[in-house]
mmCIF file of all heavy atoms, coordinates in Angstrom:
data_MODEL
# 
_entry.id   MODEL 
# 
loop_
_atom_site.group_PDB 
_atom_site.id 
_atom_site.type_symbol 
_atom_site.label_atom_id 
_atom_site.label_alt_id 
_atom_site.label_comp_id 
_atom_site.label_asym_id 
_atom_site.label_entity_id 
_atom_site.label_seq_id 
_atom_site.pdbx_PDB_ins_code 
_atom_site.Cartn_x 
_atom_site.Cartn_y 
_atom_site.Cartn_z 
_atom_site.occupancy 
_atom_site.B_iso_or_equiv 
_atom_site.pdbx_formal_charge 
_atom_site.auth_seq_id 
_atom_site.auth_comp_id 
_atom_site.auth_asym_id 
_atom_site.auth_atom_id 
_atom_site.pdbx_PDB_model_num 
ATOM 1   N N   . GLY A 1 1  ? 12.489  -3.486 -3.128  1.00 0.00 ? 1  GLY A N   1 
ATOM 2   C CA  . GLY A 1 1  ? 12.584  -2.701 -1.936  1.00 0.00 ? 1  GLY A CA  1 
ATOM 3   C C   . GLY A 1 1  ? 13.473  -1.414 -1.912  1.00 0.00 ? 1  GLY A C   1 
ATOM 4   O O   . GLY A 1 1  ? 13.665  -0.817 -0.934  1.00 0.00 ? 1  GLY A O   1 
ATOM 5   N N   . ILE A 1 2  ? 14.068  -1.179 -3.207  1.00 0.00 ? 2  ILE A N   1 
ATOM 6   C CA  . ILE A 1 2  ? 14.959  0.011  -3.248  1.00 0.00 ? 2  ILE A CA  1 
ATOM 7   C C   . ILE A 1 2  ? 14.579  0.999  -4.350  1.00 0.00 ? 2  ILE A C   1 
ATOM 8   O O   . ILE A 1 2  ? 14.828  2.239  -4.219  1.00 0.00 ? 2  ILE A O   1 
ATOM 9   C CB  . ILE A 1 2  ? 16.402  -0.370 -3.407  1.00 0.00 ? 2  ILE A CB  1 
ATOM 10  C CG1 . ILE A 1 2  ? 16.527  -1.424 -4.555  1.00 0.00 ? 2  ILE A CG1 1 
ATOM 11  C CG2 . ILE A 1 2  ? 16.937  -0.945 -2.163  1.00 0.00 ? 2  ILE A CG2 1 
ATOM 12  C CD1 . ILE A 1 2  ? 17.983  -1.818 -4.896  1.00 0.00 ? 2  ILE A CD1 1 
ATOM 13  N N   . ILE A 1 3  ? 13.982  0.568  -5.458  1.00 0.00 ? 3  ILE A N   1 
ATOM 14  C CA  . ILE A 1 3  ? 13.755  1.423  -6.620  1.00 0.00 ? 3  ILE A CA  1 
ATOM 15  C C   . ILE A 1 3  ? 12.321  1.848  -6.614  1.00 0.00 ? 3  ILE A C   1 
ATOM 16  O O   . ILE A 1 3  ? 11.456  0.945  -6.701  1.00 0.00 ? 3  ILE A O   1 
ATOM 17  C CB  . ILE A 1 3  ? 14.153  0.853  -7.922  1.00 0.00 ? 3  ILE A CB  1 
ATOM 18  C CG1 . ILE A 1 3  ? 15.654  0.408  -7.935  1.00 0.00 ? 3  ILE A CG1 1 
ATOM 19  C CG2 . ILE A 1 3  ? 13.836  1.721  -9.127  1.00 0.00 ? 3  ILE A CG2 1 
ATOM 20  C CD1 . ILE A 1 3  ? 15.982  -0.449 -9.082  1.00 0.00 ? 3  ILE A CD1 1 
ATOM 21  N N   . ASP A 1 4  ? 12.028  3.186  -6.495  1.00 0.00 ? 4  ASP A N   1 
ATOM 22  C CA  . ASP A 1 4  ? 10.614  3.634  -6.461  1.00 0.00 ? 4  ASP A CA  1 
ATOM 23  C C   . ASP A 1 4  ? 9.905   3.272  -7.801  1.00 0.00 ? 4  ASP A C   1 
ATOM 24  O O   . ASP A 1 4  ? 10.547  3.276  -8.815  1.00 0.00 ? 4  ASP A O   1 
ATOM 25  C CB  . ASP A 1 4  ? 10.513  5.172  -6.242  1.00 0.00 ? 4  ASP A CB  1 
ATOM 26  C CG  . ASP A 1 4  ? 10.953  5.525  -4.851  1.00 0.00 ? 4  ASP A CG  1 
ATOM 27  O OD1 . ASP A 1 4  ? 10.658  4.689  -3.907  1.00 0.00 ? 4  ASP A OD1 1 
ATOM 28  O OD2 . ASP A 1 4  ? 11.497  6.613  -4.617  1.00 0.00 ? 4  ASP A OD2 1 
ATOM 29  N N   . GLY A 1 5  ? 8.628   3.137  -7.698  1.00 0.00 ? 5  GLY A N   1 
ATOM 30  C CA  . GLY A 1 5  ? 7.844   2.758  -8.829  1.00 0.00 ? 5  GLY A CA  1 
ATOM 31  C C   . GLY A 1 5  ? 7.579   3.915  -9.804  1.00 0.00 ? 5  GLY A C   1 
ATOM 32  O O   . GLY A 1 5  ? 7.899   5.090  -9.436  1.00 0.00 ? 5  GLY A O   1 
ATOM 33  N N   . ARG A 1 6  ? 6.865   3.571  -10.844 1.00 0.00 ? 6  ARG A N   1 
ATOM 34  C CA  . ARG A 1 6  ? 6.552   4.572  -11.892 1.00 0.00 ? 6  ARG A CA  1 
ATOM 35  C C   . ARG A 1 6  ? 5.051   4.348  -12.174 1.00 0.00 ? 6  ARG A C   1 
ATOM 36  O O   . ARG A 1 6  ? 4.718   3.360  -12.861 1.00 0.00 ? 6  ARG A O   1 
ATOM 37  C CB  . ARG A 1 6  ? 7.390   4.302  -13.146 1.00 0.00 ? 6  ARG A CB  1 
ATOM 38  C CG  . ARG A 1 6  ? 7.159   5.248  -14.297 1.00 0.00 ? 6  ARG A CG  1 
ATOM 39  C CD  . ARG A 1 6  ? 7.950   4.987  -15.527 1.00 0.00 ? 6  ARG A CD  1 
ATOM 40  N NE  . ARG A 1 6  ? 9.348   4.665  -15.237 1.00 0.00 ? 6  ARG A NE  1 
ATOM 41  C CZ  . ARG A 1 6  ? 10.303  5.511  -15.035 1.00 0.00 ? 6  ARG A CZ  1 
ATOM 42  N NH1 . ARG A 1 6  ? 10.101  6.845  -15.085 1.00 0.00 ? 6  ARG A NH1 1 
ATOM 43  N NH2 . ARG A 1 6  ? 11.589  5.137  -14.893 1.00 0.00 ? 6  ARG A NH2 1 
ATOM 44  N N   . ILE A 1 7  ? 4.181   5.280  -11.744 1.00 0.00 ? 7  ILE A N   1 
ATOM 45  C CA  . ILE A 1 7  ? 2.788   5.184  -11.945 1.00 0.00 ? 7  ILE A CA  1 
ATOM 46  C C   . ILE A 1 7  ? 2.268   6.578  -12.326 1.00 0.00 ? 7  ILE A C   1 
ATOM 47  O O   . ILE A 1 7  ? 2.655   7.538  -11.717 1.00 0.00 ? 7  ILE A O   1 
ATOM 48  C CB  . ILE A 1 7  ? 2.013   4.588  -10.709 1.00 0.00 ? 7  ILE A CB  1 
ATOM 49  C CG1 . ILE A 1 7  ? 2.457   3.229  -10.357 1.00 0.00 ? 7  ILE A CG1 1 
ATOM 50  C CG2 . ILE A 1 7  ? 0.495   4.602  -10.944 1.00 0.00 ? 7  ILE A CG2 1 
ATOM 51  C CD1 . ILE A 1 7  ? 1.864   2.646  -9.098  1.00 0.00 ? 7  ILE A CD1 1 
ATOM 52  N N   . THR A 1 8  ? 1.300   6.619  -13.331 1.00 0.00 ? 8  THR A N   1 
ATOM 53  C CA  . THR A 1 8  ? 0.699   7.821  -13.705 1.00 0.00 ? 8  THR A CA  1 
ATOM 54  C C   . THR A 1 8  ? -0.799  7.758  -13.404 1.00 0.00 ? 8  THR A C   1 
ATOM 55  O O   . THR A 1 8  ? -1.455  6.806  -13.792 1.00 0.00 ? 8  THR A O   1 
ATOM 56  C CB  . THR A 1 8  ? 0.938   8.152  -15.214 1.00 0.00 ? 8  THR A CB  1 
ATOM 57  O OG1 . THR A 1 8  ? 2.403   8.277  -15.395 1.00 0.00 ? 8  THR A OG1 1 
ATOM 58  C CG2 . THR A 1 8  ? 0.248   9.379  -15.676 1.00 0.00 ? 8  THR A CG2 1 
ATOM 59  N N   . TYR A 1 9  ? -1.372  8.845  -12.843 1.00 0.00 ? 9  TYR A N   1 
ATOM 60  C CA  . TYR A 1 9  ? -2.801  8.961  -12.576 1.00 0.00 ? 9  TYR A CA  1 
ATOM 61  C C   . TYR A 1 9  ? -3.293  10.154 -13.361 1.00 0.00 ? 9  TYR A C   1 
ATOM 62  O O   . TYR A 1 9  ? -2.692  11.123 -13.396 1.00 0.00 ? 9  TYR A O   1 
ATOM 63  C CB  . TYR A 1 9  ? -3.015  9.250  -11.086 1.00 0.00 ? 9  TYR A CB  1 
ATOM 64  C CG  . TYR A 1 9  ? -2.848  7.960  -10.191 1.00 0.00 ? 9  TYR A CG  1 
ATOM 65  C CD1 . TYR A 1 9  ? -1.593  7.717  -9.735  1.00 0.00 ? 9  TYR A CD1 1 
ATOM 66  C CD2 . TYR A 1 9  ? -3.890  7.209  -9.892  1.00 0.00 ? 9  TYR A CD2 1 
ATOM 67  C CE1 . TYR A 1 9  ? -1.330  6.618  -8.965  1.00 0.00 ? 9  TYR A CE1 1 
ATOM 68  C CE2 . TYR A 1 9  ? -3.689  6.094  -9.118  1.00 0.00 ? 9  TYR A CE2 1 
ATOM 69  C CZ  . TYR A 1 9  ? -2.378  5.816  -8.609  1.00 0.00 ? 9  TYR A CZ  1 
ATOM 70  O OH  . TYR A 1 9  ? -2.242  4.687  -7.792  1.00 0.00 ? 9  TYR A OH  1 
ATOM 71  N N   . VAL A 1 10 ? -4.431  9.969  -13.940 1.00 0.00 ? 10 VAL A N   1 
ATOM 72  C CA  . VAL A 1 10 ? -5.143  11.141 -14.556 1.00 0.00 ? 10 VAL A CA  1 
ATOM 73  C C   . VAL A 1 10 ? -6.370  11.403 -13.629 1.00 0.00 ? 10 VAL A C   1 
ATOM 74  O O   . VAL A 1 10 ? -7.187  10.469 -13.373 1.00 0.00 ? 10 VAL A O   1 
ATOM 75  C CB  . VAL A 1 10 ? -5.596  10.872 -15.965 1.00 0.00 ? 10 VAL A CB  1 
ATOM 76  C CG1 . VAL A 1 10 ? -6.436  12.097 -16.495 1.00 0.00 ? 10 VAL A CG1 1 
ATOM 77  C CG2 . VAL A 1 10 ? -4.396  10.583 -16.942 1.00 0.00 ? 10 VAL A CG2 1 
ATOM 78  N N   . ILE A 1 11 ? -6.469  12.668 -13.103 1.00 0.00 ? 11 ILE A N   1 
ATOM 79  C CA  . ILE A 1 11 ? -7.426  12.985 -12.086 1.00 0.00 ? 11 ILE A CA  1 
ATOM 80  C C   . ILE A 1 11 ? -8.260  14.176 -12.645 1.00 0.00 ? 11 ILE A C   1 
ATOM 81  O O   . ILE A 1 11 ? -7.743  15.200 -13.081 1.00 0.00 ? 11 ILE A O   1 
ATOM 82  C CB  . ILE A 1 11 ? -6.718  13.378 -10.798 1.00 0.00 ? 11 ILE A CB  1 
ATOM 83  C CG1 . ILE A 1 11 ? -5.798  12.302 -10.285 1.00 0.00 ? 11 ILE A CG1 1 
ATOM 84  C CG2 . ILE A 1 11 ? -7.765  13.795 -9.748  1.00 0.00 ? 11 ILE A CG2 1 
ATOM 85  C CD1 . ILE A 1 11 ? -4.841  12.666 -9.261  1.00 0.00 ? 11 ILE A CD1 1 
ATOM 86  N N   . ASP A 1 12 ? -9.631  13.932 -12.655 1.00 0.00 ? 12 ASP A N   1 
ATOM 87  C CA  . ASP A 1 12 ? -10.428 14.966 -13.256 1.00 0.00 ? 12 ASP A CA  1 
ATOM 88  C C   . ASP A 1 12 ? -10.763 16.133 -12.327 1.00 0.00 ? 12 ASP A C   1 
ATOM 89  O O   . ASP A 1 12 ? -10.273 16.147 -11.167 1.00 0.00 ? 12 ASP A O   1 
ATOM 90  C CB  . ASP A 1 12 ? -11.756 14.413 -13.845 1.00 0.00 ? 12 ASP A CB  1 
ATOM 91  C CG  . ASP A 1 12 ? -12.812 13.860 -12.736 1.00 0.00 ? 12 ASP A CG  1 
ATOM 92  O OD1 . ASP A 1 12 ? -12.642 14.242 -11.535 1.00 0.00 ? 12 ASP A OD1 1 
ATOM 93  O OD2 . ASP A 1 12 ? -13.661 13.124 -13.095 1.00 0.00 ? 12 ASP A OD2 1 
ATOM 94  N N   . THR A 1 13 ? -11.515 17.041 -12.690 1.00 0.00 ? 13 THR A N   1 
ATOM 95  C CA  . THR A 1 13 ? -11.763 18.314 -11.959 1.00 0.00 ? 13 THR A CA  1 
ATOM 96  C C   . THR A 1 13 ? -12.665 18.109 -10.749 1.00 0.00 ? 13 THR A C   1 
ATOM 97  O O   . THR A 1 13 ? -12.866 19.012 -9.921  1.00 0.00 ? 13 THR A O   1 
ATOM 98  C CB  . THR A 1 13 ? -12.447 19.390 -12.869 1.00 0.00 ? 13 THR A CB  1 
ATOM 99  O OG1 . THR A 1 13 ? -13.630 18.877 -13.461 1.00 0.00 ? 13 THR A OG1 1 
ATOM 100 C CG2 . THR A 1 13 ? -11.496 19.798 -13.980 1.00 0.00 ? 13 THR A CG2 1 
ATOM 101 N N   . ARG A 1 14 ? -13.182 16.885 -10.571 1.00 0.00 ? 14 ARG A N   1 
ATOM 102 C CA  . ARG A 1 14 ? -13.908 16.601 -9.363  1.00 0.00 ? 14 ARG A CA  1 
ATOM 103 C C   . ARG A 1 14 ? -13.029 15.794 -8.364  1.00 0.00 ? 14 ARG A C   1 
ATOM 104 O O   . ARG A 1 14 ? -13.495 15.366 -7.308  1.00 0.00 ? 14 ARG A O   1 
ATOM 105 C CB  . ARG A 1 14 ? -15.184 15.756 -9.658  1.00 0.00 ? 14 ARG A CB  1 
ATOM 106 C CG  . ARG A 1 14 ? -16.177 16.579 -10.519 1.00 0.00 ? 14 ARG A CG  1 
ATOM 107 C CD  . ARG A 1 14 ? -17.421 15.795 -10.955 1.00 0.00 ? 14 ARG A CD  1 
ATOM 108 N NE  . ARG A 1 14 ? -16.965 14.624 -11.819 1.00 0.00 ? 14 ARG A NE  1 
ATOM 109 C CZ  . ARG A 1 14 ? -17.274 13.306 -11.506 1.00 0.00 ? 14 ARG A CZ  1 
ATOM 110 N NH1 . ARG A 1 14 ? -18.001 12.998 -10.545 1.00 0.00 ? 14 ARG A NH1 1 
ATOM 111 N NH2 . ARG A 1 14 ? -16.838 12.388 -12.444 1.00 0.00 ? 14 ARG A NH2 1 
ATOM 112 N N   . GLY A 1 15 ? -11.775 15.543 -8.763  1.00 0.00 ? 15 GLY A N   1 
ATOM 113 C CA  . GLY A 1 15 ? -10.879 14.776 -7.917  1.00 0.00 ? 15 GLY A CA  1 
ATOM 114 C C   . GLY A 1 15 ? -10.965 13.322 -8.084  1.00 0.00 ? 15 GLY A C   1 
ATOM 115 O O   . GLY A 1 15 ? -10.477 12.545 -7.253  1.00 0.00 ? 15 GLY A O   1 
ATOM 116 N N   . ILE A 1 16 ? -11.652 12.835 -9.138  1.00 0.00 ? 16 ILE A N   1 
ATOM 117 C CA  . ILE A 1 16 ? -11.808 11.460 -9.413  1.00 0.00 ? 16 ILE A CA  1 
ATOM 118 C C   . ILE A 1 16 ? -10.791 10.908 -10.325 1.00 0.00 ? 16 ILE A C   1 
ATOM 119 O O   . ILE A 1 16 ? -10.470 11.528 -11.345 1.00 0.00 ? 16 ILE A O   1 
ATOM 120 C CB  . ILE A 1 16 ? -13.257 11.178 -9.986  1.00 0.00 ? 16 ILE A CB  1 
ATOM 121 C CG1 . ILE A 1 16 ? -14.369 11.779 -9.072  1.00 0.00 ? 16 ILE A CG1 1 
ATOM 122 C CG2 . ILE A 1 16 ? -13.447 9.715  -10.303 1.00 0.00 ? 16 ILE A CG2 1 
ATOM 123 C CD1 . ILE A 1 16 ? -14.405 11.175 -7.722  1.00 0.00 ? 16 ILE A CD1 1 
ATOM 124 N N   . VAL A 1 17 ? -10.248 9.718  -9.924  1.00 0.00 ? 17 VAL A N   1 
ATOM 125 C CA  . VAL A 1 17 ? -9.157  9.074  -10.786 1.00 0.00 ? 17 VAL A CA  1 
ATOM 126 C C   . VAL A 1 17 ? -9.920  8.564  -12.012 1.00 0.00 ? 17 VAL A C   1 
ATOM 127 O O   . VAL A 1 17 ? -10.926 7.820  -12.005 1.00 0.00 ? 17 VAL A O   1 
ATOM 128 C CB  . VAL A 1 17 ? -8.503  7.936  -10.058 1.00 0.00 ? 17 VAL A CB  1 
ATOM 129 C CG1 . VAL A 1 17 ? -7.609  7.159  -10.979 1.00 0.00 ? 17 VAL A CG1 1 
ATOM 130 C CG2 . VAL A 1 17 ? -7.818  8.449  -8.850  1.00 0.00 ? 17 VAL A CG2 1 
ATOM 131 N N   . ARG A 1 18 ? -9.412  9.007  -13.265 1.00 0.00 ? 18 ARG A N   1 
ATOM 132 C CA  . ARG A 1 18 ? -10.024 8.584  -14.504 1.00 0.00 ? 18 ARG A CA  1 
ATOM 133 C C   . ARG A 1 18 ? -9.155  7.583  -15.238 1.00 0.00 ? 18 ARG A C   1 
ATOM 134 O O   . ARG A 1 18 ? -9.620  6.821  -16.094 1.00 0.00 ? 18 ARG A O   1 
ATOM 135 C CB  . ARG A 1 18 ? -10.165 9.820  -15.449 1.00 0.00 ? 18 ARG A CB  1 
ATOM 136 C CG  . ARG A 1 18 ? -11.143 10.913 -14.848 1.00 0.00 ? 18 ARG A CG  1 
ATOM 137 C CD  . ARG A 1 18 ? -12.587 10.355 -14.901 1.00 0.00 ? 18 ARG A CD  1 
ATOM 138 N NE  . ARG A 1 18 ? -13.049 9.976  -16.180 1.00 0.00 ? 18 ARG A NE  1 
ATOM 139 C CZ  . ARG A 1 18 ? -13.642 10.816 -16.964 1.00 0.00 ? 18 ARG A CZ  1 
ATOM 140 N NH1 . ARG A 1 18 ? -13.976 12.032 -16.640 1.00 0.00 ? 18 ARG A NH1 1 
ATOM 141 N NH2 . ARG A 1 18 ? -14.086 10.433 -18.141 1.00 0.00 ? 18 ARG A NH2 1 
ATOM 142 N N   . HIS A 1 19 ? -7.862  7.385  -14.833 1.00 0.00 ? 19 HIS A N   1 
ATOM 143 C CA  . HIS A 1 19 ? -6.966  6.481  -15.499 1.00 0.00 ? 19 HIS A CA  1 
ATOM 144 C C   . HIS A 1 19 ? -5.768  6.248  -14.570 1.00 0.00 ? 19 HIS A C   1 
ATOM 145 O O   . HIS A 1 19 ? -5.260  7.186  -13.886 1.00 0.00 ? 19 HIS A O   1 
ATOM 146 C CB  . HIS A 1 19 ? -6.533  7.035  -16.793 1.00 0.00 ? 19 HIS A CB  1 
ATOM 147 C CG  . HIS A 1 19 ? -5.779  6.053  -17.626 1.00 0.00 ? 19 HIS A CG  1 
ATOM 148 N ND1 . HIS A 1 19 ? -6.285  5.011  -18.219 1.00 0.00 ? 19 HIS A ND1 1 
ATOM 149 C CD2 . HIS A 1 19 ? -4.364  6.049  -17.922 1.00 0.00 ? 19 HIS A CD2 1 
ATOM 150 C CE1 . HIS A 1 19 ? -5.249  4.336  -18.879 1.00 0.00 ? 19 HIS A CE1 1 
ATOM 151 N NE2 . HIS A 1 19 ? -4.152  4.975  -18.707 1.00 0.00 ? 19 HIS A NE2 1 
ATOM 152 N N   . VAL A 1 20 ? -5.332  5.023  -14.567 1.00 0.00 ? 20 VAL A N   1 
ATOM 153 C CA  . VAL A 1 20 ? -4.039  4.617  -13.834 1.00 0.00 ? 20 VAL A CA  1 
ATOM 154 C C   . VAL A 1 20 ? -3.237  3.792  -14.799 1.00 0.00 ? 20 VAL A C   1 
ATOM 155 O O   . VAL A 1 20 ? -3.738  2.844  -15.452 1.00 0.00 ? 20 VAL A O   1 
ATOM 156 C CB  . VAL A 1 20 ? -4.344  3.817  -12.615 1.00 0.00 ? 20 VAL A CB  1 
ATOM 157 C CG1 . VAL A 1 20 ? -3.029  3.411  -11.878 1.00 0.00 ? 20 VAL A CG1 1 
ATOM 158 C CG2 . VAL A 1 20 ? -5.336  4.482  -11.640 1.00 0.00 ? 20 VAL A CG2 1 
ATOM 159 N N   . PHE A 1 21 ? -1.970  4.210  -14.974 1.00 0.00 ? 21 PHE A N   1 
ATOM 160 C CA  . PHE A 1 21 ? -1.026  3.438  -15.834 1.00 0.00 ? 21 PHE A CA  1 
ATOM 161 C C   . PHE A 1 21 ? 0.255   3.133  -14.953 1.00 0.00 ? 21 PHE A C   1 
ATOM 162 O O   . PHE A 1 21 ? 0.848   4.105  -14.473 1.00 0.00 ? 21 PHE A O   1 
ATOM 163 C CB  . PHE A 1 21 ? -0.766  4.125  -17.125 1.00 0.00 ? 21 PHE A CB  1 
ATOM 164 C CG  . PHE A 1 21 ? 0.142   3.306  -17.965 1.00 0.00 ? 21 PHE A CG  1 
ATOM 165 C CD1 . PHE A 1 21 ? -0.276  2.133  -18.607 1.00 0.00 ? 21 PHE A CD1 1 
ATOM 166 C CD2 . PHE A 1 21 ? 1.499   3.622  -18.174 1.00 0.00 ? 21 PHE A CD2 1 
ATOM 167 C CE1 . PHE A 1 21 ? 0.554   1.415  -19.388 1.00 0.00 ? 21 PHE A CE1 1 
ATOM 168 C CE2 . PHE A 1 21 ? 2.401   2.947  -18.991 1.00 0.00 ? 21 PHE A CE2 1 
ATOM 169 C CZ  . PHE A 1 21 ? 1.902   1.777  -19.642 1.00 0.00 ? 21 PHE A CZ  1 
ATOM 170 N N   . SER A 1 22 ? 0.652   1.902  -14.864 1.00 0.00 ? 22 SER A N   1 
ATOM 171 C CA  . SER A 1 22 ? 1.809   1.563  -14.127 1.00 0.00 ? 22 SER A CA  1 
ATOM 172 C C   . SER A 1 22 ? 2.724   0.726  -15.049 1.00 0.00 ? 22 SER A C   1 
ATOM 173 O O   . SER A 1 22 ? 2.344   -0.290 -15.544 1.00 0.00 ? 22 SER A O   1 
ATOM 174 C CB  . SER A 1 22 ? 1.475   0.707  -12.948 1.00 0.00 ? 22 SER A CB  1 
ATOM 175 O OG  . SER A 1 22 ? 2.579   0.256  -12.250 1.00 0.00 ? 22 SER A OG  1 
ATOM 176 N N   . SER A 1 23 ? 3.953   1.201  -15.236 1.00 0.00 ? 23 SER A N   1 
ATOM 177 C CA  . SER A 1 23 ? 4.935   0.424  -16.004 1.00 0.00 ? 23 SER A CA  1 
ATOM 178 C C   . SER A 1 23 ? 6.285   1.017  -15.790 1.00 0.00 ? 23 SER A C   1 
ATOM 179 O O   . SER A 1 23 ? 6.560   2.151  -16.040 1.00 0.00 ? 23 SER A O   1 
ATOM 180 C CB  . SER A 1 23 ? 4.651   0.467  -17.484 1.00 0.00 ? 23 SER A CB  1 
ATOM 181 O OG  . SER A 1 23 ? 5.802   -0.112 -18.284 1.00 0.00 ? 23 SER A OG  1 
ATOM 182 N N   . ARG A 1 24 ? 7.178   0.244  -15.174 1.00 0.00 ? 24 ARG A N   1 
ATOM 183 C CA  . ARG A 1 24 ? 8.564   0.633  -14.898 1.00 0.00 ? 24 ARG A CA  1 
ATOM 184 C C   . ARG A 1 24 ? 9.364   0.675  -16.206 1.00 0.00 ? 24 ARG A C   1 
ATOM 185 O O   . ARG A 1 24 ? 10.339  1.418  -16.362 1.00 0.00 ? 24 ARG A O   1 
ATOM 186 C CB  . ARG A 1 24 ? 9.205   -0.252 -13.865 1.00 0.00 ? 24 ARG A CB  1 
ATOM 187 C CG  . ARG A 1 24 ? 8.712   0.001  -12.448 1.00 0.00 ? 24 ARG A CG  1 
ATOM 188 C CD  . ARG A 1 24 ? 9.476   -0.861 -11.515 1.00 0.00 ? 24 ARG A CD  1 
ATOM 189 N NE  . ARG A 1 24 ? 9.118   -0.572 -10.113 1.00 0.00 ? 24 ARG A NE  1 
ATOM 190 C CZ  . ARG A 1 24 ? 8.180   -1.096 -9.452  1.00 0.00 ? 24 ARG A CZ  1 
ATOM 191 N NH1 . ARG A 1 24 ? 7.402   -2.022 -9.973  1.00 0.00 ? 24 ARG A NH1 1 
ATOM 192 N NH2 . ARG A 1 24 ? 8.005   -0.755 -8.239  1.00 0.00 ? 24 ARG A NH2 1 
ATOM 193 N N   . LEU A 1 25 ? 8.974   -0.157 -17.163 1.00 0.00 ? 25 LEU A N   1 
ATOM 194 C CA  . LEU A 1 25 ? 9.821   -0.421 -18.294 1.00 0.00 ? 25 LEU A CA  1 
ATOM 195 C C   . LEU A 1 25 ? 9.429   0.410  -19.529 1.00 0.00 ? 25 LEU A C   1 
ATOM 196 O O   . LEU A 1 25 ? 10.087  0.364  -20.578 1.00 0.00 ? 25 LEU A O   1 
ATOM 197 C CB  . LEU A 1 25 ? 9.951   -1.849 -18.585 1.00 0.00 ? 25 LEU A CB  1 
ATOM 198 C CG  . LEU A 1 25 ? 10.437  -2.774 -17.484 1.00 0.00 ? 25 LEU A CG  1 
ATOM 199 C CD1 . LEU A 1 25 ? 10.459  -4.219 -17.872 1.00 0.00 ? 25 LEU A CD1 1 
ATOM 200 C CD2 . LEU A 1 25 ? 11.829  -2.324 -17.093 1.00 0.00 ? 25 LEU A CD2 1 
ATOM 201 N N   . GLN A 1 26 ? 8.234   1.041  -19.504 1.00 0.00 ? 26 GLN A N   1 
ATOM 202 C CA  . GLN A 1 26 ? 7.763   1.816  -20.731 1.00 0.00 ? 26 GLN A CA  1 
ATOM 203 C C   . GLN A 1 26 ? 7.465   3.262  -20.247 1.00 0.00 ? 26 GLN A C   1 
ATOM 204 O O   . GLN A 1 26 ? 6.325   3.637  -20.257 1.00 0.00 ? 26 GLN A O   1 
ATOM 205 C CB  . GLN A 1 26 ? 6.482   1.171  -21.252 1.00 0.00 ? 26 GLN A CB  1 
ATOM 206 C CG  . GLN A 1 26 ? 6.735   -0.243 -21.726 1.00 0.00 ? 26 GLN A CG  1 
ATOM 207 C CD  . GLN A 1 26 ? 5.425   -0.869 -22.299 1.00 0.00 ? 26 GLN A CD  1 
ATOM 208 O OE1 . GLN A 1 26 ? 4.393   -0.544 -21.872 1.00 0.00 ? 26 GLN A OE1 1 
ATOM 209 N NE2 . GLN A 1 26 ? 5.589   -1.858 -23.179 1.00 0.00 ? 26 GLN A NE2 1 
ATOM 210 N N   . PRO A 1 27 ? 8.503   3.992  -19.915 1.00 0.00 ? 27 PRO A N   1 
ATOM 211 C CA  . PRO A 1 27 ? 8.265   5.341  -19.375 1.00 0.00 ? 27 PRO A CA  1 
ATOM 212 C C   . PRO A 1 27 ? 7.612   6.325  -20.341 1.00 0.00 ? 27 PRO A C   1 
ATOM 213 O O   . PRO A 1 27 ? 6.759   7.125  -19.895 1.00 0.00 ? 27 PRO A O   1 
ATOM 214 C CB  . PRO A 1 27 ? 9.664   5.843  -18.992 1.00 0.00 ? 27 PRO A CB  1 
ATOM 215 C CG  . PRO A 1 27 ? 10.623  5.015  -19.775 1.00 0.00 ? 27 PRO A CG  1 
ATOM 216 C CD  . PRO A 1 27 ? 9.957   3.720  -19.986 1.00 0.00 ? 27 PRO A CD  1 
# 
């Protein structure tokens, strides 16, 4: 409830999500 998450999105030129990666411990 206090530390913000760490997530990366790759979004293509049409605005579509192509990849999501979530890891707090492997920046």
